[in-house]
Amino acid sequence: MAEMGEMRRMKNQDGKEELVKSHEDLAIYQMAFDAAMTIFQLSKKFPVEERYSLTDQLRRSSHSVCANLAEAWRNDVMKLLLWLS
């Protein structure tokens, strides 16, 4: 298993190798994080009656993508990371 802070060689979208220090450096994580922030901002405009059902579900599910990527990184699931990045 990789240690915290260990650099890993990963292929970027162009197929070139680069060093990645954490899950936050992955393009897919950055895209998921941006999407989660956009969903959060947009959900603020939802009707009040949707605040505790649809809004909450959307926010939790968008956050879980980032959380799952971080967990996969910590657990050294390289196949998943290579497939996603």
PDB file of N, CA and C in Angstrom:
ATOM      1  N   MET A   1       0.840  -1.177   0.000  1.00  0.00           N
ATOM      2  CA  MET A   1       0.000   0.000   0.000  1.00  0.00           C
ATOM      3  C   MET A   1       0.888   1.244   0.000  1.00  0.00           C
ATOM      4  N   ALA A   2       0.461   2.260  -0.688  1.00  0.00           N
ATOM      5  CA  ALA A   2       1.231   3.496  -0.768  1.00  0.00           C
ATOM      6  C   ALA A   2       1.112   4.267   0.542  1.00  0.00           C
ATOM      7  N   GLU A   3       2.191   4.928   0.899  1.00  0.00           N
ATOM      8  CA  GLU A   3       2.190   5.743   2.101  1.00  0.00           C
ATOM      9  C   GLU A   3       1.630   7.117   1.781  1.00  0.00           C
ATOM     10  N   MET A   4       1.154   7.810   2.821  1.00  0.00           N
ATOM     11  CA  MET A   4       0.634   9.149   2.634  1.00  0.00           C
ATOM     12  C   MET A   4       1.745  10.046   2.099  1.00  0.00           C
ATOM     13  N   GLY A   5       1.456  10.849   1.112  1.00  0.00           N
ATOM     14  CA  GLY A   5       2.423  11.774   0.564  1.00  0.00           C
ATOM     15  C   GLY A   5       3.341  11.163  -0.479  1.00  0.00           C
ATOM     16  N   GLU A   6       3.165   9.885  -0.758  1.00  0.00           N
ATOM     17  CA  GLU A   6       4.003   9.221  -1.749  1.00  0.00           C
ATOM     18  C   GLU A   6       3.597   9.669  -3.142  1.00  0.00           C
ATOM     19  N   MET A   7       4.588   9.961  -3.997  1.00  0.00           N
ATOM     20  CA  MET A   7       4.316  10.356  -5.375  1.00  0.00           C
ATOM     21  C   MET A   7       4.049   9.100  -6.202  1.00  0.00           C
ATOM     22  N   ARG A   8       3.060   9.175  -7.089  1.00  0.00           N
ATOM     23  CA  ARG A   8       2.733   8.055  -7.966  1.00  0.00           C
ATOM     24  C   ARG A   8       2.782   8.536  -9.408  1.00  0.00           C
ATOM     25  N   ARG A   9       3.256   7.673 -10.272  1.00  0.00           N
ATOM     26  CA  ARG A   9       3.257   7.979 -11.701  1.00  0.00           C
ATOM     27  C   ARG A   9       1.908   7.580 -12.270  1.00  0.00           C
ATOM     28  N   MET A  10       1.274   8.530 -12.949  1.00  0.00           N
ATOM     29  CA  MET A  10      -0.030   8.278 -13.545  1.00  0.00           C
ATOM     30  C   MET A  10      -0.021   8.879 -14.948  1.00  0.00           C
ATOM     31  N   LYS A  11      -0.838   8.333 -15.819  1.00  0.00           N
ATOM     32  CA  LYS A  11      -0.964   8.894 -17.155  1.00  0.00           C
ATOM     33  C   LYS A  11      -2.046   9.963 -17.143  1.00  0.00           C
ATOM     34  N   ASN A  12      -1.741  11.091 -17.789  1.00  0.00           N
ATOM     35  CA  ASN A  12      -2.743  12.144 -17.883  1.00  0.00           C
ATOM     36  C   ASN A  12      -3.644  11.908 -19.090  1.00  0.00           C
ATOM     37  N   GLN A  13      -4.518  12.844 -19.381  1.00  0.00           N
ATOM     38  CA  GLN A  13      -5.480  12.681 -20.468  1.00  0.00           C
ATOM     39  C   GLN A  13      -4.800  12.573 -21.827  1.00  0.00           C
ATOM     40  N   ASP A  14      -3.597  13.113 -21.947  1.00  0.00           N
ATOM     41  CA  ASP A  14      -2.854  13.045 -23.206  1.00  0.00           C
ATOM     42  C   ASP A  14      -2.016  11.777 -23.317  1.00  0.00           C
ATOM     43  N   GLY A  15      -2.050  10.927 -22.290  1.00  0.00           N
ATOM     44  CA  GLY A  15      -1.288   9.692 -22.308  1.00  0.00           C
ATOM     45  C   GLY A  15       0.137   9.856 -21.807  1.00  0.00           C
ATOM     46  N   LYS A  16       0.506  11.041 -21.355  1.00  0.00           N
ATOM     47  CA  LYS A  16       1.857  11.284 -20.840  1.00  0.00           C
ATOM     48  C   LYS A  16       1.878  11.006 -19.341  1.00  0.00           C
ATOM     49  N   GLU A  17       3.006  10.466 -18.874  1.00  0.00           N
ATOM     50  CA  GLU A  17       3.133  10.188 -17.441  1.00  0.00           C
ATOM     51  C   GLU A  17       3.426  11.469 -16.679  1.00  0.00           C
ATOM     52  N   GLU A  18       2.845  11.553 -15.500  1.00  0.00           N
ATOM     53  CA  GLU A  18       3.139  12.661 -14.606  1.00  0.00           C
ATOM     54  C   GLU A  18       3.097  12.157 -13.176  1.00  0.00           C
ATOM     55  N   LEU A  19       3.747  12.894 -12.284  1.00  0.00           N
ATOM     56  CA  LEU A  19       3.756  12.525 -10.875  1.00  0.00           C
ATOM     57  C   LEU A  19       2.537  13.133 -10.191  1.00  0.00           C
ATOM     58  N   VAL A  20       1.855  12.319  -9.417  1.00  0.00           N
ATOM     59  CA  VAL A  20       0.670  12.765  -8.696  1.00  0.00           C
ATOM     60  C   VAL A  20       0.914  12.520  -7.217  1.00  0.00           C
ATOM     61  N   LYS A  21       0.745  13.563  -6.427  1.00  0.00           N
ATOM     62  CA  LYS A  21       1.018  13.451  -4.995  1.00  0.00           C
ATOM     63  C   LYS A  21      -0.215  13.057  -4.186  1.00  0.00           C
ATOM     64  N   SER A  22      -1.380  13.537  -4.591  1.00  0.00           N
ATOM     65  CA  SER A  22      -2.589  13.196  -3.837  1.00  0.00           C
ATOM     66  C   SER A  22      -3.777  13.073  -4.777  1.00  0.00           C
ATOM     67  N   HIS A  23      -4.871  12.579  -4.239  1.00  0.00           N
ATOM     68  CA  HIS A  23      -6.089  12.438  -5.037  1.00  0.00           C
ATOM     69  C   HIS A  23      -6.581  13.781  -5.551  1.00  0.00           C
ATOM     70  N   GLU A  24      -6.260  14.859  -4.848  1.00  0.00           N
ATOM     71  CA  GLU A  24      -6.689  16.191  -5.263  1.00  0.00           C
ATOM     72  C   GLU A  24      -5.995  16.661  -6.539  1.00  0.00           C
ATOM     73  N   ASP A  25      -4.902  16.013  -6.907  1.00  0.00           N
ATOM     74  CA  ASP A  25      -4.192  16.354  -8.139  1.00  0.00           C
ATOM     75  C   ASP A  25      -4.796  15.685  -9.369  1.00  0.00           C
ATOM     76  N   LEU A  26      -5.662  14.709  -9.173  1.00  0.00           N
ATOM     77  CA  LEU A  26      -6.259  13.992 -10.294  1.00  0.00           C
ATOM     78  C   LEU A  26      -7.286  14.872 -11.006  1.00  0.00           C
ATOM     79  N   ALA A  27      -7.261  14.850 -12.329  1.00  0.00           N
ATOM     80  CA  ALA A  27      -8.198  15.649 -13.116  1.00  0.00           C
ATOM     81  C   ALA A  27      -9.639  15.258 -12.809  1.00  0.00           C
ATOM     82  N   ILE A  28      -9.891  13.969 -12.634  1.00  0.00           N
ATOM     83  CA  ILE A  28     -11.255  13.512 -12.365  1.00  0.00           C
ATOM     84  C   ILE A  28     -11.743  14.007 -11.006  1.00  0.00           C
ATOM     85  N   TYR A  29     -10.853  14.087 -10.018  1.00  0.00           N
ATOM     86  CA  TYR A  29     -11.235  14.617  -8.708  1.00  0.00           C
ATOM     87  C   TYR A  29     -11.578  16.100  -8.824  1.00  0.00           C
ATOM     88  N   GLN A  30     -10.750  16.839  -9.557  1.00  0.00           N
ATOM     89  CA  GLN A  30     -10.986  18.275  -9.724  1.00  0.00           C
ATOM     90  C   GLN A  30     -12.311  18.530 -10.444  1.00  0.00           C
ATOM     91  N   MET A  31     -12.622  17.703 -11.447  1.00  0.00           N
ATOM     92  CA  MET A  31     -13.900  17.833 -12.152  1.00  0.00           C
ATOM     93  C   MET A  31     -15.064  17.519 -11.221  1.00  0.00           C
ATOM     94  N   ALA A  32     -14.927  16.477 -10.417  1.00  0.00           N
ATOM     95  CA  ALA A  32     -15.989  16.095  -9.478  1.00  0.00           C
ATOM     96  C   ALA A  32     -16.188  17.176  -8.415  1.00  0.00           C
ATOM     97  N   PHE A  33     -15.096  17.750  -7.934  1.00  0.00           N
ATOM     98  CA  PHE A  33     -15.180  18.805  -6.924  1.00  0.00           C
ATOM     99  C   PHE A  33     -15.880  20.034  -7.492  1.00  0.00           C
ATOM    100  N   ASP A  34     -15.486  20.427  -8.706  1.00  0.00           N
ATOM    101  CA  ASP A  34     -16.130  21.579  -9.354  1.00  0.00           C
ATOM    102  C   ASP A  34     -17.622  21.327  -9.558  1.00  0.00           C
ATOM    103  N   ALA A  35     -17.967  20.107  -9.973  1.00  0.00           N
ATOM    104  CA  ALA A  35     -19.371  19.764 -10.174  1.00  0.00           C
ATOM    105  C   ALA A  35     -20.131  19.825  -8.853  1.00  0.00           C
ATOM    106  N   ALA A  36     -19.523  19.333  -7.780  1.00  0.00           N
ATOM    107  CA  ALA A  36     -20.169  19.366  -6.465  1.00  0.00           C
ATOM    108  C   ALA A  36     -20.413  20.801  -6.009  1.00  0.00           C
ATOM    109  N   MET A  37     -19.444  21.681  -6.249  1.00  0.00           N
ATOM    110  CA  MET A  37     -19.616  23.084  -5.861  1.00  0.00           C
ATOM    111  C   MET A  37     -20.708  23.752  -6.705  1.00  0.00           C
ATOM    112  N   THR A  38     -20.762  23.425  -7.982  1.00  0.00           N
ATOM    113  CA  THR A  38     -21.810  23.970  -8.855  1.00  0.00           C
ATOM    114  C   THR A  38     -23.178  23.477  -8.410  1.00  0.00           C
ATOM    115  N   ILE A  39     -23.271  22.195  -8.107  1.00  0.00           N
ATOM    116  CA  ILE A  39     -24.546  21.631  -7.635  1.00  0.00           C
ATOM    117  C   ILE A  39     -24.976  22.311  -6.340  1.00  0.00           C
ATOM    118  N   PHE A  40     -24.022  22.543  -5.439  1.00  0.00           N
ATOM    119  CA  PHE A  40     -24.350  23.200  -4.174  1.00  0.00           C
ATOM    120  C   PHE A  40     -24.908  24.600  -4.426  1.00  0.00           C
ATOM    121  N   GLN A  41     -24.240  25.365  -5.300  1.00  0.00           N
ATOM    122  CA  GLN A  41     -24.697  26.730  -5.583  1.00  0.00           C
ATOM    123  C   GLN A  41     -26.071  26.738  -6.259  1.00  0.00           C
ATOM    124  N   LEU A  42     -26.260  25.842  -7.225  1.00  0.00           N
ATOM    125  CA  LEU A  42     -27.545  25.772  -7.913  1.00  0.00           C
ATOM    126  C   LEU A  42     -28.669  25.318  -6.981  1.00  0.00           C
ATOM    127  N   SER A  43     -28.347  24.398  -6.066  1.00  0.00           N
ATOM    128  CA  SER A  43     -29.388  23.872  -5.173  1.00  0.00           C
ATOM    129  C   SER A  43     -29.866  24.910  -4.160  1.00  0.00           C
ATOM    130  N   LYS A  44     -29.099  25.960  -3.960  1.00  0.00           N
ATOM    131  CA  LYS A  44     -29.549  27.046  -3.078  1.00  0.00           C
ATOM    132  C   LYS A  44     -30.795  27.735  -3.635  1.00  0.00           C
ATOM    133  N   LYS A  45     -30.973  27.629  -4.954  1.00  0.00           N
ATOM    134  CA  LYS A  45     -32.098  28.288  -5.615  1.00  0.00           C
ATOM    135  C   LYS A  45     -33.337  27.404  -5.709  1.00  0.00           C
ATOM    136  N   PHE A  46     -33.250  26.178  -5.207  1.00  0.00           N
ATOM    137  CA  PHE A  46     -34.392  25.271  -5.253  1.00  0.00           C
ATOM    138  C   PHE A  46     -35.495  25.778  -4.325  1.00  0.00           C
ATOM    139  N   PRO A  47     -36.734  25.384  -4.589  1.00  0.00           N
ATOM    140  CA  PRO A  47     -37.846  25.795  -3.711  1.00  0.00           C
ATOM    141  C   PRO A  47     -37.650  25.273  -2.282  1.00  0.00           C
ATOM    142  N   VAL A  48     -38.195  26.003  -1.347  1.00  0.00           N
ATOM    143  CA  VAL A  48     -38.054  25.662   0.068  1.00  0.00           C
ATOM    144  C   VAL A  48     -38.595  24.268   0.358  1.00  0.00           C
ATOM    145  N   GLU A  49     -39.675  23.874  -0.299  1.00  0.00           N
ATOM    146  CA  GLU A  49     -40.266  22.560  -0.022  1.00  0.00           C
ATOM    147  C   GLU A  49     -39.360  21.408  -0.464  1.00  0.00           C
ATOM    148  N   GLU A  50     -38.375  21.688  -1.292  1.00  0.00           N
ATOM    149  CA  GLU A  50     -37.427  20.655  -1.733  1.00  0.00           C
ATOM    150  C   GLU A  50     -36.149  20.633  -0.896  1.00  0.00           C
ATOM    151  N   ARG A  51     -36.053  21.517   0.062  1.00  0.00           N
ATOM    152  CA  ARG A  51     -34.818  21.691   0.821  1.00  0.00           C
ATOM    153  C   ARG A  51     -34.348  20.407   1.502  1.00  0.00           C
ATOM    154  N   TYR A  52     -35.258  19.618   2.037  1.00  0.00           N
ATOM    155  CA  TYR A  52     -34.842  18.450   2.818  1.00  0.00           C
ATOM    156  C   TYR A  52     -34.965  17.143   2.065  1.00  0.00           C
ATOM    157  N   SER A  53     -35.354  17.173   0.825  1.00  0.00           N
ATOM    158  CA  SER A  53     -35.452  15.921   0.075  1.00  0.00           C
ATOM    159  C   SER A  53     -34.522  15.957  -1.136  1.00  0.00           C
ATOM    160  N   LEU A  54     -34.953  16.585  -2.196  1.00  0.00           N
ATOM    161  CA  LEU A  54     -34.168  16.613  -3.427  1.00  0.00           C
ATOM    162  C   LEU A  54     -32.835  17.333  -3.233  1.00  0.00           C
ATOM    163  N   THR A  55     -32.866  18.473  -2.600  1.00  0.00           N
ATOM    164  CA  THR A  55     -31.649  19.263  -2.390  1.00  0.00           C
ATOM    165  C   THR A  55     -30.614  18.480  -1.596  1.00  0.00           C
ATOM    166  N   ASP A  56     -31.046  17.901  -0.497  1.00  0.00           N
ATOM    167  CA  ASP A  56     -30.127  17.141   0.346  1.00  0.00           C
ATOM    168  C   ASP A  56     -29.555  15.937  -0.391  1.00  0.00           C
ATOM    169  N   GLN A  57     -30.385  15.250  -1.125  1.00  0.00           N
ATOM    170  CA  GLN A  57     -29.928  14.072  -1.864  1.00  0.00           C
ATOM    171  C   GLN A  57     -28.906  14.448  -2.936  1.00  0.00           C
ATOM    172  N   LEU A  58     -29.159  15.522  -3.669  1.00  0.00           N
ATOM    173  CA  LEU A  58     -28.211  15.972  -4.690  1.00  0.00           C
ATOM    174  C   LEU A  58     -26.866  16.363  -4.076  1.00  0.00           C
ATOM    175  N   ARG A  59     -26.919  17.095  -2.980  1.00  0.00           N
ATOM    176  CA  ARG A  59     -25.674  17.532  -2.334  1.00  0.00           C
ATOM    177  C   ARG A  59     -24.872  16.350  -1.802  1.00  0.00           C
ATOM    178  N   ARG A  60     -25.552  15.407  -1.160  1.00  0.00           N
ATOM    179  CA  ARG A  60     -24.848  14.248  -0.610  1.00  0.00           C
ATOM    180  C   ARG A  60     -24.250  13.379  -1.712  1.00  0.00           C
ATOM    181  N   SER A  61     -24.995  13.176  -2.781  1.00  0.00           N
ATOM    182  CA  SER A  61     -24.484  12.314  -3.859  1.00  0.00           C
ATOM    183  C   SER A  61     -23.314  12.966  -4.585  1.00  0.00           C
ATOM    184  N   SER A  62     -23.350  14.265  -4.787  1.00  0.00           N
ATOM    185  CA  SER A  62     -22.228  14.925  -5.459  1.00  0.00           C
ATOM    186  C   SER A  62     -20.980  14.922  -4.566  1.00  0.00           C
ATOM    187  N   HIS A  63     -21.184  15.041  -3.273  1.00  0.00           N
ATOM    188  CA  HIS A  63     -20.054  14.983  -2.337  1.00  0.00           C
ATOM    189  C   HIS A  63     -19.465  13.569  -2.285  1.00  0.00           C
ATOM    190  N   SER A  64     -20.295  12.559  -2.442  1.00  0.00           N
ATOM    191  CA  SER A  64     -19.813  11.180  -2.311  1.00  0.00           C
ATOM    192  C   SER A  64     -18.846  10.795  -3.418  1.00  0.00           C
ATOM    193  N   VAL A  65     -18.950  11.421  -4.592  1.00  0.00           N
ATOM    194  CA  VAL A  65     -18.007  11.129  -5.683  1.00  0.00           C
ATOM    195  C   VAL A  65     -16.591  11.489  -5.237  1.00  0.00           C
ATOM    196  N   CYS A  66     -16.423  12.684  -4.699  1.00  0.00           N
ATOM    197  CA  CYS A  66     -15.102  13.113  -4.212  1.00  0.00           C
ATOM    198  C   CYS A  66     -14.632  12.232  -3.059  1.00  0.00           C
ATOM    199  N   ALA A  67     -15.538  11.908  -2.159  1.00  0.00           N
ATOM    200  CA  ALA A  67     -15.179  11.070  -1.014  1.00  0.00           C
ATOM    201  C   ALA A  67     -14.734   9.676  -1.461  1.00  0.00           C
ATOM    202  N   ASN A  68     -15.418   9.117  -2.448  1.00  0.00           N
ATOM    203  CA  ASN A  68     -15.041   7.788  -2.948  1.00  0.00           C
ATOM    204  C   ASN A  68     -13.693   7.810  -3.659  1.00  0.00           C
ATOM    205  N   LEU A  69     -13.409   8.859  -4.392  1.00  0.00           N
ATOM    206  CA  LEU A  69     -12.097   8.971  -5.043  1.00  0.00           C
ATOM    207  C   LEU A  69     -10.987   9.090  -3.998  1.00  0.00           C
ATOM    208  N   ALA A  70     -11.227   9.866  -2.952  1.00  0.00           N
ATOM    209  CA  ALA A  70     -10.228  10.014  -1.886  1.00  0.00           C
ATOM    210  C   ALA A  70     -10.007   8.685  -1.174  1.00  0.00           C
ATOM    211  N   GLU A  71     -11.074   7.960  -0.914  1.00  0.00           N
ATOM    212  CA  GLU A  71     -10.946   6.658  -0.255  1.00  0.00           C
ATOM    213  C   GLU A  71     -10.190   5.671  -1.134  1.00  0.00           C
ATOM    214  N   ALA A  72     -10.483   5.673  -2.415  1.00  0.00           N
ATOM    215  CA  ALA A  72      -9.776   4.782  -3.339  1.00  0.00           C
ATOM    216  C   ALA A  72      -8.285   5.106  -3.363  1.00  0.00           C
ATOM    217  N   TRP A  73      -7.957   6.372  -3.325  1.00  0.00           N
ATOM    218  CA  TRP A  73      -6.551   6.779  -3.307  1.00  0.00           C
ATOM    219  C   TRP A  73      -5.864   6.264  -2.044  1.00  0.00           C
ATOM    220  N   ARG A  74      -6.521   6.442  -0.918  1.00  0.00           N
ATOM    221  CA  ARG A  74      -5.947   5.989   0.347  1.00  0.00           C
ATOM    222  C   ARG A  74      -5.807   4.476   0.393  1.00  0.00           C
ATOM    223  N   ASN A  75      -6.742   3.771  -0.217  1.00  0.00           N
ATOM    224  CA  ASN A  75      -6.710   2.313  -0.205  1.00  0.00           C
ATOM    225  C   ASN A  75      -5.871   1.729  -1.328  1.00  0.00           C
ATOM    226  N   ASP A  76      -5.265   2.595  -2.100  1.00  0.00           N
ATOM    227  CA  ASP A  76      -4.350   2.178  -3.157  1.00  0.00           C
ATOM    228  C   ASP A  76      -5.049   1.325  -4.217  1.00  0.00           C
ATOM    229  N   VAL A  77      -6.221   1.755  -4.632  1.00  0.00           N
ATOM    230  CA  VAL A  77      -6.950   1.055  -5.680  1.00  0.00           C
ATOM    231  C   VAL A  77      -6.521   1.661  -7.011  1.00  0.00           C
ATOM    232  N   MET A  78      -5.371   1.227  -7.485  1.00  0.00           N
ATOM    233  CA  MET A  78      -4.775   1.828  -8.667  1.00  0.00           C
ATOM    234  C   MET A  78      -5.579   1.557  -9.940  1.00  0.00           C
ATOM    235  N   LYS A  79      -6.204   0.410 -10.056  1.00  0.00           N
ATOM    236  CA  LYS A  79      -6.983   0.129 -11.259  1.00  0.00           C
ATOM    237  C   LYS A  79      -8.099   1.149 -11.422  1.00  0.00           C
ATOM    238  N   LEU A  80      -8.780   1.471 -10.336  1.00  0.00           N
ATOM    239  CA  LEU A  80      -9.849   2.453 -10.391  1.00  0.00           C
ATOM    240  C   LEU A  80      -9.300   3.815 -10.779  1.00  0.00           C
ATOM    241  N   LEU A  81      -8.204   4.216 -10.150  1.00  0.00           N
ATOM    242  CA  LEU A  81      -7.637   5.531 -10.431  1.00  0.00           C
ATOM    243  C   LEU A  81      -7.141   5.640 -11.861  1.00  0.00           C
ATOM    244  N   LEU A  82      -6.503   4.607 -12.357  1.00  0.00           N
ATOM    245  CA  LEU A  82      -6.028   4.635 -13.730  1.00  0.00           C
ATOM    246  C   LEU A  82      -7.203   4.716 -14.702  1.00  0.00           C
ATOM    247  N   TRP A  83      -8.276   4.017 -14.386  1.00  0.00           N
ATOM    248  CA  TRP A  83      -9.451   4.034 -15.250  1.00  0.00           C
ATOM    249  C   TRP A  83     -10.122   5.405 -15.236  1.00  0.00           C
ATOM    250  N   LEU A  84     -10.172   6.051 -14.060  1.00  0.00           N
ATOM    251  CA  LEU A  84     -10.850   7.331 -13.931  1.00  0.00           C
ATOM    252  C   LEU A  84     -10.040   8.505 -14.448  1.00  0.00           C
ATOM    253  N   SER A  85      -8.709   8.434 -14.352  1.00  0.00           N
ATOM    254  CA  SER A  85      -7.916   9.606 -14.727  1.00  0.00           C
ATOM    255  C   SER A  85      -7.437   9.555 -16.158  1.00  0.00           C
TER     256      SER A  85
END
